[in-house]
Amino acid sequence: WLETSLVPIRSAAGPVVAVMGISRDVTARHRADESEQRYRATVEHATVGIANLALDGSFLGLNERLCGILGRGAAELVGTRFEELLHPEDRTEVALRLGELTAGQASWFAREARCLRRDGSPVWVQAAVSLVRDDRERPRELVAVLEDVSAKRQLEERLRDAGLARS
């Protein structure tokens, strides 16, 4: 891939007598653009919720699936801390795990937790949160992947009530 700039060269009388061109190889930039487009398509079409979080746990960006899981719009979520969306009984444990990540004491954690939708209804999620480090290995941000497991939890509860579930 080339990027070319052309400049007309005129004679003393004014008409164009030649064209001078300079070309640069922009193949690497083109490939990076393609890679970014593939990444965006992967995130946007994923069947799980995906978010980038600042080290304080606030949403930097997220996909539409996560908005659907949480019952909230992207504009409402960006800047909101993940912990604020958790059921009060799950906040302490998740805050502890997030603290371990941001302190660089762990590289990831996974657990089920309850989030609260805008209407206050709970949604069970399987959350996996990973630490992203910069080129100097310092904590930079977090990546969270959330899957709605409410139906699974409801089925387990029905089986437990029927005496069929494992303890």
C-alpha atoms as a PDB file:
ATOM      1  CA  TRP A   1       0.000   0.000   0.000  1.00  0.00           C
ATOM      2  CA  LEU A   2       1.334   3.378  -1.036  1.00  0.00           C
ATOM      3  CA  GLU A   3       0.350   6.905  -0.135  1.00  0.00           C
ATOM      4  CA  THR A   4       1.307   9.300  -2.912  1.00  0.00           C
ATOM      5  CA  SER A   5       1.415  13.083  -3.066  1.00  0.00           C
ATOM      6  CA  LEU A   6       1.643  14.760  -6.473  1.00  0.00           C
ATOM      7  CA  VAL A   7       2.680  18.345  -7.184  1.00  0.00           C
ATOM      8  CA  PRO A   8       2.483  19.985 -10.619  1.00  0.00           C
ATOM      9  CA  ILE A   9       5.632  21.601 -11.957  1.00  0.00           C
ATOM     10  CA  ARG A  10       4.957  24.588 -14.167  1.00  0.00           C
ATOM     11  CA  SER A  11       7.116  26.293 -16.778  1.00  0.00           C
ATOM     12  CA  ALA A  12       7.937  29.982 -16.528  1.00  0.00           C
ATOM     13  CA  ALA A  13       5.023  30.603 -18.917  1.00  0.00           C
ATOM     14  CA  GLY A  14       2.576  28.821 -16.574  1.00  0.00           C
ATOM     15  CA  PRO A  15       1.490  25.512 -18.132  1.00  0.00           C
ATOM     16  CA  VAL A  16       2.189  22.243 -16.306  1.00  0.00           C
ATOM     17  CA  VAL A  17       5.232  20.548 -17.842  1.00  0.00           C
ATOM     18  CA  ALA A  18       5.777  17.791 -15.311  1.00  0.00           C
ATOM     19  CA  VAL A  19       4.467  16.230 -12.139  1.00  0.00           C
ATOM     20  CA  MET A  20       6.637  15.469  -9.120  1.00  0.00           C
ATOM     21  CA  GLY A  21       5.468  12.651  -6.871  1.00  0.00           C
ATOM     22  CA  ILE A  22       6.485  11.316  -3.514  1.00  0.00           C
ATOM     23  CA  SER A  23       5.264   7.935  -2.342  1.00  0.00           C
ATOM     24  CA  ARG A  24       5.421   6.291   1.073  1.00  0.00           C
ATOM     25  CA  ASP A  25       4.872   2.670   1.987  1.00  0.00           C
ATOM     26  CA  VAL A  26       1.845   2.634   4.327  1.00  0.00           C
ATOM     27  CA  THR A  27       1.297  -1.129   4.322  1.00  0.00           C
ATOM     28  CA  ALA A  28       1.875  -1.415   8.079  1.00  0.00           C
ATOM     29  CA  ARG A  29      -0.710   1.296   8.807  1.00  0.00           C
ATOM     30  CA  HIS A  30      -3.192  -0.368   6.446  1.00  0.00           C
ATOM     31  CA  ARG A  31      -2.696  -3.738   8.172  1.00  0.00           C
ATOM     32  CA  ALA A  32      -3.133  -2.080  11.587  1.00  0.00           C
ATOM     33  CA  ASP A  33      -6.415  -0.539  10.388  1.00  0.00           C
ATOM     34  CA  GLU A  34      -7.618  -3.948   9.184  1.00  0.00           C
ATOM     35  CA  SER A  35      -6.612  -5.505  12.498  1.00  0.00           C
ATOM     36  CA  GLU A  36      -8.508  -2.835  14.428  1.00  0.00           C
ATOM     37  CA  GLN A  37     -11.594  -3.389  12.275  1.00  0.00           C
ATOM     38  CA  ARG A  38     -11.446  -7.157  12.964  1.00  0.00           C
ATOM     39  CA  TYR A  39     -11.027  -6.495  16.699  1.00  0.00           C
ATOM     40  CA  ARG A  40     -13.997  -4.123  16.753  1.00  0.00           C
ATOM     41  CA  ALA A  41     -16.166  -6.618  14.848  1.00  0.00           C
ATOM     42  CA  THR A  42     -15.186  -9.383  17.276  1.00  0.00           C
ATOM     43  CA  VAL A  43     -16.071  -7.308  20.326  1.00  0.00           C
ATOM     44  CA  GLU A  44     -19.298  -5.903  18.888  1.00  0.00           C
ATOM     45  CA  HIS A  45     -20.598  -9.290  17.677  1.00  0.00           C
ATOM     46  CA  ALA A  46     -19.553 -11.326  20.713  1.00  0.00           C
ATOM     47  CA  THR A  47     -22.276 -13.242  22.537  1.00  0.00           C
ATOM     48  CA  VAL A  48     -20.827 -12.112  25.877  1.00  0.00           C
ATOM     49  CA  GLY A  49     -20.499  -8.655  27.381  1.00  0.00           C
ATOM     50  CA  ILE A  50     -17.032  -7.137  27.049  1.00  0.00           C
ATOM     51  CA  ALA A  51     -15.721  -3.974  28.691  1.00  0.00           C
ATOM     52  CA  ASN A  52     -12.516  -2.056  29.244  1.00  0.00           C
ATOM     53  CA  LEU A  53     -12.278  -0.697  32.772  1.00  0.00           C
ATOM     54  CA  ALA A  54      -9.979   1.928  34.251  1.00  0.00           C
ATOM     55  CA  LEU A  55      -7.944   0.819  37.257  1.00  0.00           C
ATOM     56  CA  ASP A  56     -10.580   2.374  39.539  1.00  0.00           C
ATOM     57  CA  GLY A  57     -13.143   0.004  37.981  1.00  0.00           C
ATOM     58  CA  SER A  58     -14.972   2.624  35.909  1.00  0.00           C
ATOM     59  CA  PHE A  59     -16.165   1.683  32.432  1.00  0.00           C
ATOM     60  CA  LEU A  60     -14.046   3.125  29.614  1.00  0.00           C
ATOM     61  CA  GLY A  61     -15.816   1.297  26.787  1.00  0.00           C
ATOM     62  CA  LEU A  62     -18.136  -1.660  26.328  1.00  0.00           C
ATOM     63  CA  ASN A  63     -20.055  -3.616  23.735  1.00  0.00           C
ATOM     64  CA  GLU A  64     -23.813  -3.645  23.135  1.00  0.00           C
ATOM     65  CA  ARG A  65     -24.192  -7.151  24.562  1.00  0.00           C
ATOM     66  CA  LEU A  66     -22.996  -5.890  27.949  1.00  0.00           C
ATOM     67  CA  CYS A  67     -25.532  -3.067  27.783  1.00  0.00           C
ATOM     68  CA  GLY A  68     -28.219  -5.688  27.195  1.00  0.00           C
ATOM     69  CA  ILE A  69     -27.056  -7.851  30.105  1.00  0.00           C
ATOM     70  CA  LEU A  70     -27.001  -4.887  32.475  1.00  0.00           C
ATOM     71  CA  GLY A  71     -30.191  -3.290  31.135  1.00  0.00           C
ATOM     72  CA  ARG A  72     -28.439   0.064  30.741  1.00  0.00           C
ATOM     73  CA  GLY A  73     -27.204   2.204  27.863  1.00  0.00           C
ATOM     74  CA  ALA A  74     -23.542   2.744  27.015  1.00  0.00           C
ATOM     75  CA  ALA A  75     -23.747   6.475  27.799  1.00  0.00           C
ATOM     76  CA  GLU A  76     -25.035   5.645  31.276  1.00  0.00           C
ATOM     77  CA  LEU A  77     -22.335   3.034  31.912  1.00  0.00           C
ATOM     78  CA  VAL A  78     -19.208   4.851  30.709  1.00  0.00           C
ATOM     79  CA  GLY A  79     -17.623   6.444  33.759  1.00  0.00           C
ATOM     80  CA  THR A  80     -19.675   4.331  36.193  1.00  0.00           C
ATOM     81  CA  ARG A  81     -17.690   2.043  38.492  1.00  0.00           C
ATOM     82  CA  PHE A  82     -18.418  -1.664  37.996  1.00  0.00           C
ATOM     83  CA  GLU A  83     -18.797  -2.146  41.762  1.00  0.00           C
ATOM     84  CA  GLU A  84     -21.747   0.270  41.792  1.00  0.00           C
ATOM     85  CA  LEU A  85     -23.686  -2.160  39.589  1.00  0.00           C
ATOM     86  CA  LEU A  86     -23.135  -5.143  41.871  1.00  0.00           C
ATOM     87  CA  HIS A  87     -25.627  -6.521  44.347  1.00  0.00           C
ATOM     88  CA  PRO A  88     -24.589  -5.266  47.815  1.00  0.00           C
ATOM     89  CA  GLU A  89     -23.838  -8.828  48.984  1.00  0.00           C
ATOM     90  CA  ASP A  90     -21.291  -9.295  46.159  1.00  0.00           C
ATOM     91  CA  ARG A  91     -19.503  -5.924  46.340  1.00  0.00           C
ATOM     92  CA  THR A  92     -16.949  -6.718  49.038  1.00  0.00           C
ATOM     93  CA  GLU A  93     -15.598  -9.870  47.393  1.00  0.00           C
ATOM     94  CA  VAL A  94     -15.416  -8.326  43.917  1.00  0.00           C
ATOM     95  CA  ALA A  95     -13.797  -5.148  45.302  1.00  0.00           C
ATOM     96  CA  LEU A  96     -11.166  -7.305  46.989  1.00  0.00           C
ATOM     97  CA  ARG A  97     -10.411  -9.159  43.738  1.00  0.00           C
ATOM     98  CA  LEU A  98     -10.295  -5.917  41.729  1.00  0.00           C
ATOM     99  CA  GLY A  99      -7.891  -4.470  44.307  1.00  0.00           C
ATOM    100  CA  GLU A 100      -5.584  -7.467  43.880  1.00  0.00           C
ATOM    101  CA  LEU A 101      -5.572  -6.911  40.121  1.00  0.00           C
ATOM    102  CA  THR A 102      -4.887  -3.188  40.245  1.00  0.00           C
ATOM    103  CA  ALA A 103      -2.104  -3.730  42.792  1.00  0.00           C
ATOM    104  CA  GLY A 104      -0.525  -6.205  40.373  1.00  0.00           C
ATOM    105  CA  GLN A 105      -0.943  -9.079  42.860  1.00  0.00           C
ATOM    106  CA  ALA A 106      -3.003 -11.139  40.399  1.00  0.00           C
ATOM    107  CA  SER A 107      -3.410 -11.166  36.636  1.00  0.00           C
ATOM    108  CA  TRP A 108      -7.079 -12.257  36.488  1.00  0.00           C
ATOM    109  CA  PHE A 109     -10.024 -13.579  38.456  1.00  0.00           C
ATOM    110  CA  ALA A 110     -13.342 -15.198  37.630  1.00  0.00           C
ATOM    111  CA  ARG A 111     -16.479 -15.589  39.711  1.00  0.00           C
ATOM    112  CA  GLU A 112     -20.240 -15.493  39.589  1.00  0.00           C
ATOM    113  CA  ALA A 113     -21.863 -12.370  40.946  1.00  0.00           C
ATOM    114  CA  ARG A 114     -25.144 -10.517  40.809  1.00  0.00           C
ATOM    115  CA  CYS A 115     -25.427  -7.224  38.992  1.00  0.00           C
ATOM    116  CA  LEU A 116     -28.398  -4.920  39.283  1.00  0.00           C
ATOM    117  CA  ARG A 117     -30.165  -3.710  36.179  1.00  0.00           C
ATOM    118  CA  ARG A 118     -31.525  -0.162  35.972  1.00  0.00           C
ATOM    119  CA  ASP A 119     -34.936  -1.425  37.158  1.00  0.00           C
ATOM    120  CA  GLY A 120     -33.269  -2.999  40.226  1.00  0.00           C
ATOM    121  CA  SER A 121     -33.725  -6.598  39.091  1.00  0.00           C
ATOM    122  CA  PRO A 122     -30.720  -8.864  39.621  1.00  0.00           C
ATOM    123  CA  VAL A 123     -28.888 -10.636  36.825  1.00  0.00           C
ATOM    124  CA  TRP A 124     -26.379 -13.388  37.586  1.00  0.00           C
ATOM    125  CA  VAL A 125     -23.172 -13.083  35.585  1.00  0.00           C
ATOM    126  CA  GLN A 126     -20.045 -15.150  35.251  1.00  0.00           C
ATOM    127  CA  ALA A 127     -17.414 -12.430  35.276  1.00  0.00           C
ATOM    128  CA  ALA A 128     -13.814 -12.891  34.185  1.00  0.00           C
ATOM    129  CA  VAL A 129     -11.620  -9.836  34.712  1.00  0.00           C
ATOM    130  CA  SER A 130      -8.039  -9.588  33.461  1.00  0.00           C
ATOM    131  CA  LEU A 131      -5.285  -7.086  34.099  1.00  0.00           C
ATOM    132  CA  VAL A 132      -3.707  -5.341  31.106  1.00  0.00           C
ATOM    133  CA  ARG A 133      -0.165  -4.117  31.651  1.00  0.00           C
ATOM    134  CA  ASP A 134       1.743  -1.418  29.771  1.00  0.00           C
ATOM    135  CA  ASP A 135       5.096  -1.941  28.046  1.00  0.00           C
ATOM    136  CA  ARG A 136       6.855  -1.481  31.410  1.00  0.00           C
ATOM    137  CA  GLU A 137       4.668  -4.164  33.028  1.00  0.00           C
ATOM    138  CA  ARG A 138       2.748  -1.626  35.127  1.00  0.00           C
ATOM    139  CA  PRO A 139      -1.025  -2.129  35.530  1.00  0.00           C
ATOM    140  CA  ARG A 140      -2.760  -0.091  32.788  1.00  0.00           C
ATOM    141  CA  GLU A 141      -6.420  -1.144  32.678  1.00  0.00           C
ATOM    142  CA  LEU A 142      -8.772  -4.086  33.087  1.00  0.00           C
ATOM    143  CA  VAL A 143     -10.723  -6.161  30.590  1.00  0.00           C
ATOM    144  CA  ALA A 144     -13.967  -7.707  31.807  1.00  0.00           C
ATOM    145  CA  VAL A 145     -15.995 -10.426  30.089  1.00  0.00           C
ATOM    146  CA  LEU A 146     -19.477 -11.034  31.497  1.00  0.00           C
ATOM    147  CA  GLU A 147     -21.847 -13.823  30.572  1.00  0.00           C
ATOM    148  CA  ASP A 148     -25.469 -13.849  31.716  1.00  0.00           C
ATOM    149  CA  VAL A 149     -25.889 -17.105  33.663  1.00  0.00           C
ATOM    150  CA  SER A 150     -29.283 -16.267  35.210  1.00  0.00           C
ATOM    151  CA  ALA A 151     -31.088 -19.067  33.369  1.00  0.00           C
ATOM    152  CA  LYS A 152     -28.479 -21.581  34.544  1.00  0.00           C
ATOM    153  CA  ARG A 153     -28.831 -20.381  38.140  1.00  0.00           C
ATOM    154  CA  GLN A 154     -32.640 -20.605  37.950  1.00  0.00           C
ATOM    155  CA  LEU A 155     -32.452 -24.156  36.592  1.00  0.00           C
ATOM    156  CA  GLU A 156     -30.028 -25.167  39.345  1.00  0.00           C
ATOM    157  CA  GLU A 157     -32.381 -23.703  41.933  1.00  0.00           C
ATOM    158  CA  ARG A 158     -35.370 -25.599  40.514  1.00  0.00           C
ATOM    159  CA  LEU A 159     -33.361 -28.829  40.523  1.00  0.00           C
ATOM    160  CA  ARG A 160     -32.203 -28.153  44.075  1.00  0.00           C
ATOM    161  CA  ASP A 161     -35.803 -27.513  45.143  1.00  0.00           C
ATOM    162  CA  ALA A 162     -36.779 -30.793  43.501  1.00  0.00           C
ATOM    163  CA  GLY A 163     -33.935 -32.553  45.330  1.00  0.00           C
ATOM    164  CA  LEU A 164     -32.051 -33.379  42.111  1.00  0.00           C
ATOM    165  CA  ALA A 165     -29.133 -30.976  42.291  1.00  0.00           C
ATOM    166  CA  ARG A 166     -25.713 -31.808  43.693  1.00  0.00           C
ATOM    167  CA  SER A 167     -24.710 -30.125  46.909  1.00  0.00           C
END
